[in-house]
Amino acid sequence: MKIEHQQVGSVAVMTVKGALIEDDAMRFAVDVKKQAQGANARLVLDLHEVPYVDSTALEGLLDVADVLDQRSARLRLASLPSTVREVLQLTGLSQRFEFFEKVEDAVRSFL
């Protein structure tokens, strides 16, 4: 798993590459939560190269959503593969996030 950080104006974009399972899911959860707790509450996760997420990754996403909720912000997820979106829907977690087809649309949603 690899995470690339990019700043697009005032929005932090994190591009995740690889399956989010086991140790990688834990590293992902820590890294994303740290970003959400920083000075900038504008966060987009680009998940187009994430074929699968496990329960640890889902817990990490929920932790980040909670941190951002406390800051009156909402986590934006962009370019989700159908398998990841289906997992979020089947677990009833999809209402906790905003979904976008493209990263650019998610970034623009902050304007």
PDB file of N, CA and C in Angstrom:
ATOM      1  N   MET A   1       0.837  -1.171   0.000  1.00  0.00           N
ATOM      2  CA  MET A   1       0.000   0.000   0.000  1.00  0.00           C
ATOM      3  C   MET A   1       0.885   1.238   0.000  1.00  0.00           C
ATOM      4  N   LYS A   2       0.469   2.223  -0.753  1.00  0.00           N
ATOM      5  CA  LYS A   2       1.199   3.475  -0.857  1.00  0.00           C
ATOM      6  C   LYS A   2       0.200   4.626  -0.756  1.00  0.00           C
ATOM      7  N   ILE A   3       0.576   5.684  -0.051  1.00  0.00           N
ATOM      8  CA  ILE A   3      -0.270   6.871   0.063  1.00  0.00           C
ATOM      9  C   ILE A   3       0.524   8.068  -0.423  1.00  0.00           C
ATOM     10  N   GLU A   4      -0.043   8.778  -1.387  1.00  0.00           N
ATOM     11  CA  GLU A   4       0.563  10.007  -1.893  1.00  0.00           C
ATOM     12  C   GLU A   4      -0.240  11.197  -1.381  1.00  0.00           C
ATOM     13  N   HIS A   5       0.465  12.204  -0.902  1.00  0.00           N
ATOM     14  CA  HIS A   5      -0.160  13.423  -0.387  1.00  0.00           C
ATOM     15  C   HIS A   5       0.017  14.539  -1.405  1.00  0.00           C
ATOM     16  N   GLN A   6      -1.057  15.286  -1.605  1.00  0.00           N
ATOM     17  CA  GLN A   6      -1.003  16.417  -2.522  1.00  0.00           C
ATOM     18  C   GLN A   6      -1.884  17.528  -1.955  1.00  0.00           C
ATOM     19  N   GLN A   7      -1.430  18.749  -2.078  1.00  0.00           N
ATOM     20  CA  GLN A   7      -2.219  19.894  -1.661  1.00  0.00           C
ATOM     21  C   GLN A   7      -2.767  20.572  -2.910  1.00  0.00           C
ATOM     22  N   VAL A   8      -4.077  20.684  -3.001  1.00  0.00           N
ATOM     23  CA  VAL A   8      -4.731  21.349  -4.121  1.00  0.00           C
ATOM     24  C   VAL A   8      -5.447  22.566  -3.546  1.00  0.00           C
ATOM     25  N   GLY A   9      -4.800  23.704  -3.638  1.00  0.00           N
ATOM     26  CA  GLY A   9      -5.335  24.899  -2.990  1.00  0.00           C
ATOM     27  C   GLY A   9      -5.362  24.661  -1.492  1.00  0.00           C
ATOM     28  N   SER A  10      -6.546  24.791  -0.897  1.00  0.00           N
ATOM     29  CA  SER A  10      -6.675  24.583   0.544  1.00  0.00           C
ATOM     30  C   SER A  10      -7.161  23.171   0.895  1.00  0.00           C
ATOM     31  N   VAL A  11      -7.137  22.270  -0.078  1.00  0.00           N
ATOM     32  CA  VAL A  11      -7.659  20.914   0.121  1.00  0.00           C
ATOM     33  C   VAL A  11      -6.514  19.905   0.094  1.00  0.00           C
ATOM     34  N   ALA A  12      -6.496  19.022   1.086  1.00  0.00           N
ATOM     35  CA  ALA A  12      -5.523  17.929   1.129  1.00  0.00           C
ATOM     36  C   ALA A  12      -6.124  16.736   0.382  1.00  0.00           C
ATOM     37  N   VAL A  13      -5.372  16.230  -0.583  1.00  0.00           N
ATOM     38  CA  VAL A  13      -5.803  15.056  -1.347  1.00  0.00           C
ATOM     39  C   VAL A  13      -4.828  13.931  -1.047  1.00  0.00           C
ATOM     40  N   MET A  14      -5.377  12.821  -0.589  1.00  0.00           N
ATOM     41  CA  MET A  14      -4.560  11.636  -0.321  1.00  0.00           C
ATOM     42  C   MET A  14      -4.969  10.558  -1.314  1.00  0.00           C
ATOM     43  N   THR A  15      -4.014  10.121  -2.133  1.00  0.00           N
ATOM     44  CA  THR A  15      -4.257   9.063  -3.111  1.00  0.00           C
ATOM     45  C   THR A  15      -3.714   7.769  -2.540  1.00  0.00           C
ATOM     46  N   VAL A  16      -4.584   6.791  -2.422  1.00  0.00           N
ATOM     47  CA  VAL A  16      -4.218   5.508  -1.828  1.00  0.00           C
ATOM     48  C   VAL A  16      -4.104   4.483  -2.945  1.00  0.00           C
ATOM     49  N   LYS A  17      -3.029   3.694  -2.898  1.00  0.00           N
ATOM     50  CA  LYS A  17      -2.804   2.680  -3.929  1.00  0.00           C
ATOM     51  C   LYS A  17      -2.560   1.337  -3.257  1.00  0.00           C
ATOM     52  N   GLY A  18      -3.398   0.361  -3.575  1.00  0.00           N
ATOM     53  CA  GLY A  18      -3.262  -0.980  -3.018  1.00  0.00           C
ATOM     54  C   GLY A  18      -4.396  -1.332  -2.089  1.00  0.00           C
ATOM     55  N   ALA A  19      -4.544  -2.621  -1.832  1.00  0.00           N
ATOM     56  CA  ALA A  19      -5.592  -3.111  -0.940  1.00  0.00           C
ATOM     57  C   ALA A  19      -5.339  -2.636   0.487  1.00  0.00           C
ATOM     58  N   LEU A  20      -6.405  -2.271   1.171  1.00  0.00           N
ATOM     59  CA  LEU A  20      -6.304  -1.822   2.558  1.00  0.00           C
ATOM     60  C   LEU A  20      -6.695  -2.976   3.467  1.00  0.00           C
ATOM     61  N   ILE A  21      -5.716  -3.820   3.730  1.00  0.00           N
ATOM     62  CA  ILE A  21      -5.934  -4.990   4.583  1.00  0.00           C
ATOM     63  C   ILE A  21      -4.782  -5.113   5.578  1.00  0.00           C
ATOM     64  N   GLU A  22      -5.086  -5.690   6.718  1.00  0.00           N
ATOM     65  CA  GLU A  22      -4.128  -6.021   7.767  1.00  0.00           C
ATOM     66  C   GLU A  22      -3.252  -4.827   8.144  1.00  0.00           C
ATOM     67  N   ASP A  23      -1.934  -4.994   8.108  1.00  0.00           N
ATOM     68  CA  ASP A  23      -1.022  -3.930   8.553  1.00  0.00           C
ATOM     69  C   ASP A  23      -1.150  -2.668   7.708  1.00  0.00           C
ATOM     70  N   ASP A  24      -1.368  -2.842   6.409  1.00  0.00           N
ATOM     71  CA  ASP A  24      -1.544  -1.673   5.543  1.00  0.00           C
ATOM     72  C   ASP A  24      -2.777  -0.878   5.945  1.00  0.00           C
ATOM     73  N   ALA A  25      -3.829  -1.565   6.321  1.00  0.00           N
ATOM     74  CA  ALA A  25      -5.058  -0.887   6.749  1.00  0.00           C
ATOM     75  C   ALA A  25      -4.814  -0.100   8.032  1.00  0.00           C
ATOM     76  N   MET A  26      -4.009  -0.656   8.933  1.00  0.00           N
ATOM     77  CA  MET A  26      -3.678   0.059  10.180  1.00  0.00           C
ATOM     78  C   MET A  26      -2.848   1.304   9.889  1.00  0.00           C
ATOM     79  N   ARG A  27      -1.842   1.166   9.016  1.00  0.00           N
ATOM     80  CA  ARG A  27      -1.024   2.328   8.635  1.00  0.00           C
ATOM     81  C   ARG A  27      -1.881   3.393   7.971  1.00  0.00           C
ATOM     82  N   PHE A  28      -2.764   2.962   7.083  1.00  0.00           N
ATOM     83  CA  PHE A  28      -3.692   3.867   6.414  1.00  0.00           C
ATOM     84  C   PHE A  28      -4.525   4.625   7.444  1.00  0.00           C
ATOM     85  N   ALA A  29      -5.108   3.904   8.396  1.00  0.00           N
ATOM     86  CA  ALA A  29      -5.977   4.523   9.398  1.00  0.00           C
ATOM     87  C   ALA A  29      -5.233   5.583  10.202  1.00  0.00           C
ATOM     88  N   VAL A  30      -4.010   5.277  10.594  1.00  0.00           N
ATOM     89  CA  VAL A  30      -3.206   6.225  11.374  1.00  0.00           C
ATOM     90  C   VAL A  30      -2.861   7.448  10.534  1.00  0.00           C
ATOM     91  N   ASP A  31      -2.435   7.234   9.305  1.00  0.00           N
ATOM     92  CA  ASP A  31      -2.012   8.328   8.428  1.00  0.00           C
ATOM     93  C   ASP A  31      -3.176   9.272   8.110  1.00  0.00           C
ATOM     94  N   VAL A  32      -4.312   8.710   7.780  1.00  0.00           N
ATOM     95  CA  VAL A  32      -5.468   9.543   7.419  1.00  0.00           C
ATOM     96  C   VAL A  32      -6.007  10.278   8.640  1.00  0.00           C
ATOM     97  N   LYS A  33      -6.028   9.617   9.785  1.00  0.00           N
ATOM     98  CA  LYS A  33      -6.514  10.283  10.998  1.00  0.00           C
ATOM     99  C   LYS A  33      -5.594  11.440  11.375  1.00  0.00           C
ATOM    100  N   LYS A  34      -4.289  11.234  11.221  1.00  0.00           N
ATOM    101  CA  LYS A  34      -3.333  12.311  11.507  1.00  0.00           C
ATOM    102  C   LYS A  34      -3.588  13.511  10.598  1.00  0.00           C
ATOM    103  N   GLN A  35      -3.854  13.244   9.344  1.00  0.00           N
ATOM    104  CA  GLN A  35      -4.157  14.322   8.395  1.00  0.00           C
ATOM    105  C   GLN A  35      -5.434  15.058   8.809  1.00  0.00           C
ATOM    106  N   ALA A  36      -6.448  14.308   9.216  1.00  0.00           N
ATOM    107  CA  ALA A  36      -7.732  14.910   9.607  1.00  0.00           C
ATOM    108  C   ALA A  36      -7.609  15.741  10.878  1.00  0.00           C
ATOM    109  N   GLN A  37      -6.684  15.391  11.746  1.00  0.00           N
ATOM    110  CA  GLN A  37      -6.502  16.126  12.992  1.00  0.00           C
ATOM    111  C   GLN A  37      -5.617  17.359  12.825  1.00  0.00           C
ATOM    112  N   GLY A  38      -5.033  17.527  11.649  1.00  0.00           N
ATOM    113  CA  GLY A  38      -4.172  18.675  11.384  1.00  0.00           C
ATOM    114  C   GLY A  38      -4.964  19.961  11.263  1.00  0.00           C
ATOM    115  N   ALA A  39      -4.278  21.004  10.867  1.00  0.00           N
ATOM    116  CA  ALA A  39      -4.893  22.326  10.773  1.00  0.00           C
ATOM    117  C   ALA A  39      -5.955  22.398   9.683  1.00  0.00           C
ATOM    118  N   ASN A  40      -5.831  21.565   8.650  1.00  0.00           N
ATOM    119  CA  ASN A  40      -6.738  21.625   7.515  1.00  0.00           C
ATOM    120  C   ASN A  40      -7.772  20.500   7.593  1.00  0.00           C
ATOM    121  N   ALA A  41      -9.044  20.861   7.707  1.00  0.00           N
ATOM    122  CA  ALA A  41     -10.116  19.862   7.794  1.00  0.00           C
ATOM    123  C   ALA A  41     -10.695  19.522   6.423  1.00  0.00           C
ATOM    124  N   ARG A  42     -10.104  20.046   5.364  1.00  0.00           N
ATOM    125  CA  ARG A  42     -10.582  19.770   4.011  1.00  0.00           C
ATOM    126  C   ARG A  42      -9.789  18.601   3.444  1.00  0.00           C
ATOM    127  N   LEU A  43     -10.434  17.424   3.404  1.00  0.00           N
ATOM    128  CA  LEU A  43      -9.729  16.206   3.050  1.00  0.00           C
ATOM    129  C   LEU A  43     -10.503  15.399   2.018  1.00  0.00           C
ATOM    130  N   VAL A  44      -9.789  15.002   0.961  1.00  0.00           N
ATOM    131  CA  VAL A  44     -10.337  14.130  -0.084  1.00  0.00           C
ATOM    132  C   VAL A  44      -9.466  12.887  -0.150  1.00  0.00           C
ATOM    133  N   LEU A  45     -10.102  11.726  -0.143  1.00  0.00           N
ATOM    134  CA  LEU A  45      -9.383  10.471  -0.355  1.00  0.00           C
ATOM    135  C   LEU A  45      -9.677   9.979  -1.764  1.00  0.00           C
ATOM    136  N   ASP A  46      -8.631   9.823  -2.547  1.00  0.00           N
ATOM    137  CA  ASP A  46      -8.737   9.267  -3.902  1.00  0.00           C
ATOM    138  C   ASP A  46      -8.480   7.767  -3.781  1.00  0.00           C
ATOM    139  N   LEU A  47      -9.503   6.968  -3.982  1.00  0.00           N
ATOM    140  CA  LEU A  47      -9.407   5.522  -3.761  1.00  0.00           C
ATOM    141  C   LEU A  47      -9.482   4.719  -5.048  1.00  0.00           C
ATOM    142  N   HIS A  48      -9.193   5.325  -6.186  1.00  0.00           N
ATOM    143  CA  HIS A  48      -9.379   4.634  -7.466  1.00  0.00           C
ATOM    144  C   HIS A  48      -8.496   3.405  -7.637  1.00  0.00           C
ATOM    145  N   GLU A  49      -7.404   3.312  -6.867  1.00  0.00           N
ATOM    146  CA  GLU A  49      -6.518   2.153  -6.970  1.00  0.00           C
ATOM    147  C   GLU A  49      -6.587   1.262  -5.726  1.00  0.00           C
ATOM    148  N   VAL A  50      -7.732   1.274  -5.054  1.00  0.00           N
ATOM    149  CA  VAL A  50      -7.938   0.432  -3.879  1.00  0.00           C
ATOM    150  C   VAL A  50      -8.964  -0.640  -4.245  1.00  0.00           C
ATOM    151  N   PRO A  51      -8.501  -1.874  -4.479  1.00  0.00           N
ATOM    152  CA  PRO A  51      -9.427  -2.913  -4.903  1.00  0.00           C
ATOM    153  C   PRO A  51     -10.267  -3.508  -3.771  1.00  0.00           C
ATOM    154  N   TYR A  52      -9.776  -3.363  -2.524  1.00  0.00           N
ATOM    155  CA  TYR A  52     -10.457  -4.023  -1.409  1.00  0.00           C
ATOM    156  C   TYR A  52     -10.127  -3.319  -0.101  1.00  0.00           C
ATOM    157  N   VAL A  53     -11.081  -3.291   0.821  1.00  0.00           N
ATOM    158  CA  VAL A  53     -10.863  -2.769   2.167  1.00  0.00           C
ATOM    159  C   VAL A  53     -11.336  -3.803   3.179  1.00  0.00           C
ATOM    160  N   ASP A  54     -10.618  -3.905   4.291  1.00  0.00           N
ATOM    161  CA  ASP A  54     -11.057  -4.818   5.343  1.00  0.00           C
ATOM    162  C   ASP A  54     -11.669  -4.015   6.493  1.00  0.00           C
ATOM    163  N   SER A  55     -12.045  -4.701   7.560  1.00  0.00           N
ATOM    164  CA  SER A  55     -12.730  -4.040   8.675  1.00  0.00           C
ATOM    165  C   SER A  55     -11.838  -3.005   9.356  1.00  0.00           C
ATOM    166  N   THR A  56     -10.542  -3.217   9.389  1.00  0.00           N
ATOM    167  CA  THR A  56      -9.627  -2.231   9.983  1.00  0.00           C
ATOM    168  C   THR A  56      -9.653  -0.929   9.187  1.00  0.00           C
ATOM    169  N   ALA A  57      -9.661  -1.041   7.871  1.00  0.00           N
ATOM    170  CA  ALA A  57      -9.742   0.153   7.017  1.00  0.00           C
ATOM    171  C   ALA A  57     -11.080   0.864   7.214  1.00  0.00           C
ATOM    172  N   LEU A  58     -12.163   0.100   7.330  1.00  0.00           N
ATOM    173  CA  LEU A  58     -13.480   0.710   7.562  1.00  0.00           C
ATOM    174  C   LEU A  58     -13.507   1.451   8.892  1.00  0.00           C
ATOM    175  N   GLU A  59     -12.923   0.855   9.931  1.00  0.00           N
ATOM    176  CA  GLU A  59     -12.849   1.527  11.226  1.00  0.00           C
ATOM    177  C   GLU A  59     -12.037   2.813  11.116  1.00  0.00           C
ATOM    178  N   GLY A  60     -10.954   2.769  10.344  1.00  0.00           N
ATOM    179  CA  GLY A  60     -10.140   3.964  10.136  1.00  0.00           C
ATOM    180  C   GLY A  60     -10.925   5.070   9.450  1.00  0.00           C
ATOM    181  N   LEU A  61     -11.702   4.703   8.434  1.00  0.00           N
ATOM    182  CA  LEU A  61     -12.532   5.692   7.750  1.00  0.00           C
ATOM    183  C   LEU A  61     -13.558   6.301   8.706  1.00  0.00           C
ATOM    184  N   LEU A  62     -14.145   5.471   9.546  1.00  0.00           N
ATOM    185  CA  LEU A  62     -15.123   5.978  10.517  1.00  0.00           C
ATOM    186  C   LEU A  62     -14.464   6.898  11.536  1.00  0.00           C
ATOM    187  N   ASP A  63     -13.266   6.548  11.988  1.00  0.00           N
ATOM    188  CA  ASP A  63     -12.539   7.421  12.921  1.00  0.00           C
ATOM    189  C   ASP A  63     -12.289   8.783  12.301  1.00  0.00           C
ATOM    190  N   VAL A  64     -11.877   8.789  11.043  1.00  0.00           N
ATOM    191  CA  VAL A  64     -11.619  10.057  10.351  1.00  0.00           C
ATOM    192  C   VAL A  64     -12.922  10.845  10.189  1.00  0.00           C
ATOM    193  N   ALA A  65     -13.987  10.153   9.830  1.00  0.00           N
ATOM    194  CA  ALA A  65     -15.292  10.819   9.701  1.00  0.00           C
ATOM    195  C   ALA A  65     -15.701  11.454  11.031  1.00  0.00           C
ATOM    196  N   ASP A  66     -15.459  10.763  12.144  1.00  0.00           N
ATOM    197  CA  ASP A  66     -15.790  11.311  13.463  1.00  0.00           C
ATOM    198  C   ASP A  66     -14.959  12.545  13.774  1.00  0.00           C
ATOM    199  N   VAL A  67     -13.649  12.487  13.484  1.00  0.00           N
ATOM    200  CA  VAL A  67     -12.774  13.639  13.722  1.00  0.00           C
ATOM    201  C   VAL A  67     -13.257  14.839  12.913  1.00  0.00           C
ATOM    202  N   LEU A  68     -13.571  14.613  11.650  1.00  0.00           N
ATOM    203  CA  LEU A  68     -14.024  15.715  10.798  1.00  0.00           C
ATOM    204  C   LEU A  68     -15.413  16.211  11.202  1.00  0.00           C
ATOM    205  N   ASP A  69     -16.298  15.314  11.642  1.00  0.00           N
ATOM    206  CA  ASP A  69     -17.618  15.732  12.132  1.00  0.00           C
ATOM    207  C   ASP A  69     -17.480  16.714  13.290  1.00  0.00           C
ATOM    208  N   GLN A  70     -16.536  16.453  14.170  1.00  0.00           N
ATOM    209  CA  GLN A  70     -16.306  17.332  15.316  1.00  0.00           C
ATOM    210  C   GLN A  70     -15.814  18.705  14.865  1.00  0.00           C
ATOM    211  N   ARG A  71     -15.281  18.763  13.667  1.00  0.00           N
ATOM    212  CA  ARG A  71     -14.767  20.020  13.124  1.00  0.00           C
ATOM    213  C   ARG A  71     -15.722  20.609  12.085  1.00  0.00           C
ATOM    214  N   SER A  72     -16.961  20.105  12.074  1.00  0.00           N
ATOM    215  CA  SER A  72     -17.993  20.549  11.128  1.00  0.00           C
ATOM    216  C   SER A  72     -17.569  20.364   9.679  1.00  0.00           C
ATOM    217  N   ALA A  73     -16.890  19.264   9.410  1.00  0.00           N
ATOM    218  CA  ALA A  73     -16.447  18.935   8.053  1.00  0.00           C
ATOM    219  C   ALA A  73     -16.898  17.508   7.747  1.00  0.00           C
ATOM    220  N   ARG A  74     -16.785  17.138   6.487  1.00  0.00           N
ATOM    221  CA  ARG A  74     -17.190  15.796   6.077  1.00  0.00           C
ATOM    222  C   ARG A  74     -16.147  15.223   5.127  1.00  0.00           C
ATOM    223  N   LEU A  75     -15.828  13.954   5.319  1.00  0.00           N
ATOM    224  CA  LEU A  75     -14.836  13.284   4.489  1.00  0.00           C
ATOM    225  C   LEU A  75     -15.393  13.055   3.093  1.00  0.00           C
ATOM    226  N   ARG A  76     -14.601  13.432   2.096  1.00  0.00           N
ATOM    227  CA  ARG A  76     -14.975  13.208   0.701  1.00  0.00           C
ATOM    228  C   ARG A  76     -14.176  12.032   0.151  1.00  0.00           C
ATOM    229  N   LEU A  77     -14.865  11.085  -0.455  1.00  0.00           N
ATOM    230  CA  LEU A  77     -14.238   9.929  -1.092  1.00  0.00           C
ATOM    231  C   LEU A  77     -14.432  10.048  -2.586  1.00  0.00           C
ATOM    232  N   ALA A  78     -13.348   9.908  -3.331  1.00  0.00           N
ATOM    233  CA  ALA A  78     -13.419  10.096  -4.781  1.00  0.00           C
ATOM    234  C   ALA A  78     -12.945   8.845  -5.515  1.00  0.00           C
ATOM    235  N   SER A  79     -13.560   8.620  -6.663  1.00  0.00           N
ATOM    236  CA  SER A  79     -13.144   7.577  -7.606  1.00  0.00           C
ATOM    237  C   SER A  79     -13.119   6.185  -6.977  1.00  0.00           C
ATOM    238  N   LEU A  80     -14.169   5.858  -6.236  1.00  0.00           N
ATOM    239  CA  LEU A  80     -14.218   4.549  -5.587  1.00  0.00           C
ATOM    240  C   LEU A  80     -14.482   3.433  -6.589  1.00  0.00           C
ATOM    241  N   PRO A  81     -13.723   2.340  -6.484  1.00  0.00           N
ATOM    242  CA  PRO A  81     -14.068   1.153  -7.271  1.00  0.00           C
ATOM    243  C   PRO A  81     -15.415   0.606  -6.774  1.00  0.00           C
ATOM    244  N   SER A  82     -16.112  -0.079  -7.634  1.00  0.00           N
ATOM    245  CA  SER A  82     -17.440  -0.576  -7.273  1.00  0.00           C
ATOM    246  C   SER A  82     -17.397  -1.515  -6.073  1.00  0.00           C
ATOM    247  N   THR A  83     -16.324  -2.287  -5.923  1.00  0.00           N
ATOM    248  CA  THR A  83     -16.242  -3.213  -4.791  1.00  0.00           C
ATOM    249  C   THR A  83     -16.171  -2.474  -3.455  1.00  0.00           C
ATOM    250  N   VAL A  84     -15.412  -1.393  -3.405  1.00  0.00           N
ATOM    251  CA  VAL A  84     -15.282  -0.627  -2.168  1.00  0.00           C
ATOM    252  C   VAL A  84     -16.588   0.090  -1.858  1.00  0.00           C
ATOM    253  N   ARG A  85     -17.194   0.660  -2.861  1.00  0.00           N
ATOM    254  CA  ARG A  85     -18.483   1.345  -2.642  1.00  0.00           C
ATOM    255  C   ARG A  85     -19.541   0.357  -2.158  1.00  0.00           C
ATOM    256  N   GLU A  86     -19.534  -0.840  -2.722  1.00  0.00           N
ATOM    257  CA  GLU A  86     -20.494  -1.866  -2.319  1.00  0.00           C
ATOM    258  C   GLU A  86     -20.288  -2.273  -0.864  1.00  0.00           C
ATOM    259  N   VAL A  87     -19.037  -2.400  -0.436  1.00  0.00           N
ATOM    260  CA  VAL A  87     -18.759  -2.730   0.971  1.00  0.00           C
ATOM    261  C   VAL A  87     -19.325  -1.647   1.883  1.00  0.00           C
ATOM    262  N   LEU A  88     -19.131  -0.388   1.528  1.00  0.00           N
ATOM    263  CA  LEU A  88     -19.653   0.716   2.335  1.00  0.00           C
ATOM    264  C   LEU A  88     -21.177   0.703   2.375  1.00  0.00           C
ATOM    265  N   GLN A  89     -21.803   0.379   1.260  1.00  0.00           N
ATOM    266  CA  GLN A  89     -23.260   0.326   1.223  1.00  0.00           C
ATOM    267  C   GLN A  89     -23.802  -0.857   2.016  1.00  0.00           C
ATOM    268  N   LEU A  90     -23.188  -2.027   1.857  1.00  0.00           N
ATOM    269  CA  LEU A  90     -23.659  -3.227   2.551  1.00  0.00           C
ATOM    270  C   LEU A  90     -23.492  -3.125   4.062  1.00  0.00           C
ATOM    271  N   THR A  91     -22.485  -2.406   4.509  1.00  0.00           N
ATOM    272  CA  THR A  91     -22.257  -2.241   5.943  1.00  0.00           C
ATOM    273  C   THR A  91     -23.046  -1.070   6.528  1.00  0.00           C
ATOM    274  N   GLY A  92     -23.744  -0.334   5.680  1.00  0.00           N
ATOM    275  CA  GLY A  92     -24.531   0.795   6.150  1.00  0.00           C
ATOM    276  C   GLY A  92     -23.699   2.025   6.478  1.00  0.00           C
ATOM    277  N   LEU A  93     -22.458   2.075   6.010  1.00  0.00           N
ATOM    278  CA  LEU A  93     -21.570   3.182   6.333  1.00  0.00           C
ATOM    279  C   LEU A  93     -21.558   4.291   5.290  1.00  0.00           C
ATOM    280  N   SER A  94     -22.183   4.064   4.168  1.00  0.00           N
ATOM    281  CA  SER A  94     -22.074   5.012   3.058  1.00  0.00           C
ATOM    282  C   SER A  94     -22.631   6.400   3.396  1.00  0.00           C
ATOM    283  N   GLN A  95     -23.585   6.491   4.305  1.00  0.00           N
ATOM    284  CA  GLN A  95     -24.159   7.794   4.649  1.00  0.00           C
ATOM    285  C   GLN A  95     -23.194   8.676   5.433  1.00  0.00           C
ATOM    286  N   ARG A  96     -22.083   8.128   5.902  1.00  0.00           N
ATOM    287  CA  ARG A  96     -21.108   8.900   6.669  1.00  0.00           C
ATOM    288  C   ARG A  96     -20.148   9.706   5.795  1.00  0.00           C
ATOM    289  N   PHE A  97     -20.196   9.478   4.494  1.00  0.00           N
ATOM    290  CA  PHE A  97     -19.234  10.086   3.585  1.00  0.00           C
ATOM    291  C   PHE A  97     -19.936  10.756   2.413  1.00  0.00           C
ATOM    292  N   GLU A  98     -19.194  11.648   1.738  1.00  0.00           N
ATOM    293  CA  GLU A  98     -19.659  12.209   0.473  1.00  0.00           C
ATOM    294  C   GLU A  98     -18.862  11.535  -0.629  1.00  0.00           C
ATOM    295  N   PHE A  99     -19.536  11.128  -1.707  1.00  0.00           N
ATOM    296  CA  PHE A  99     -18.903  10.413  -2.801  1.00  0.00           C
ATOM    297  C   PHE A  99     -18.858  11.271  -4.055  1.00  0.00           C
ATOM    298  N   PHE A 100     -17.746  11.154  -4.780  1.00  0.00           N
ATOM    299  CA  PHE A 100     -17.561  11.888  -6.026  1.00  0.00           C
ATOM    300  C   PHE A 100     -16.916  10.974  -7.048  1.00  0.00           C
ATOM    301  N   GLU A 101     -17.308  11.143  -8.298  1.00  0.00           N
ATOM    302  CA  GLU A 101     -16.738  10.335  -9.376  1.00  0.00           C
ATOM    303  C   GLU A 101     -15.288  10.725  -9.653  1.00  0.00           C
ATOM    304  N   LYS A 102     -14.978  12.018  -9.521  1.00  0.00           N
ATOM    305  CA  LYS A 102     -13.644  12.518  -9.833  1.00  0.00           C
ATOM    306  C   LYS A 102     -13.084  13.301  -8.653  1.00  0.00           C
ATOM    307  N   VAL A 103     -11.775  13.249  -8.503  1.00  0.00           N
ATOM    308  CA  VAL A 103     -11.097  13.996  -7.448  1.00  0.00           C
ATOM    309  C   VAL A 103     -11.364  15.485  -7.611  1.00  0.00           C
ATOM    310  N   GLU A 104     -11.327  15.955  -8.848  1.00  0.00           N
ATOM    311  CA  GLU A 104     -11.539  17.382  -9.111  1.00  0.00           C
ATOM    312  C   GLU A 104     -12.900  17.847  -8.593  1.00  0.00           C
ATOM    313  N   ASP A 105     -13.920  17.009  -8.763  1.00  0.00           N
ATOM    314  CA  ASP A 105     -15.261  17.366  -8.279  1.00  0.00           C
ATOM    315  C   ASP A 105     -15.287  17.427  -6.752  1.00  0.00           C
ATOM    316  N   ALA A 106     -14.584  16.500  -6.116  1.00  0.00           N
ATOM    317  CA  ALA A 106     -14.521  16.509  -4.650  1.00  0.00           C
ATOM    318  C   ALA A 106     -13.806  17.747  -4.143  1.00  0.00           C
ATOM    319  N   VAL A 107     -12.716  18.125  -4.789  1.00  0.00           N
ATOM    320  CA  VAL A 107     -11.973  19.330  -4.391  1.00  0.00           C
ATOM    321  C   VAL A 107     -12.855  20.559  -4.581  1.00  0.00           C
ATOM    322  N   ARG A 108     -13.536  20.644  -5.718  1.00  0.00           N
ATOM    323  CA  ARG A 108     -14.411  21.797  -5.991  1.00  0.00           C
ATOM    324  C   ARG A 108     -15.561  21.912  -5.007  1.00  0.00           C
ATOM    325  N   SER A 109     -15.968  20.776  -4.412  1.00  0.00           N
ATOM    326  CA  SER A 109     -17.104  20.808  -3.491  1.00  0.00           C
ATOM    327  C   SER A 109     -16.805  21.637  -2.238  1.00  0.00           C
ATOM    328  N   PHE A 110     -15.546  21.914  -1.978  1.00  0.00           N
ATOM    329  CA  PHE A 110     -15.174  22.732  -0.832  1.00  0.00           C
ATOM    330  C   PHE A 110     -15.318  24.229  -1.106  1.00  0.00           C
ATOM    331  N   LEU A 111     -15.484  24.604  -2.361  1.00  0.00           N
ATOM    332  CA  LEU A 111     -15.576  26.027  -2.706  1.00  0.00           C
ATOM    333  C   LEU A 111     -16.948  26.591  -2.464  1.00  0.00           C
TER     334      LEU A 111
END
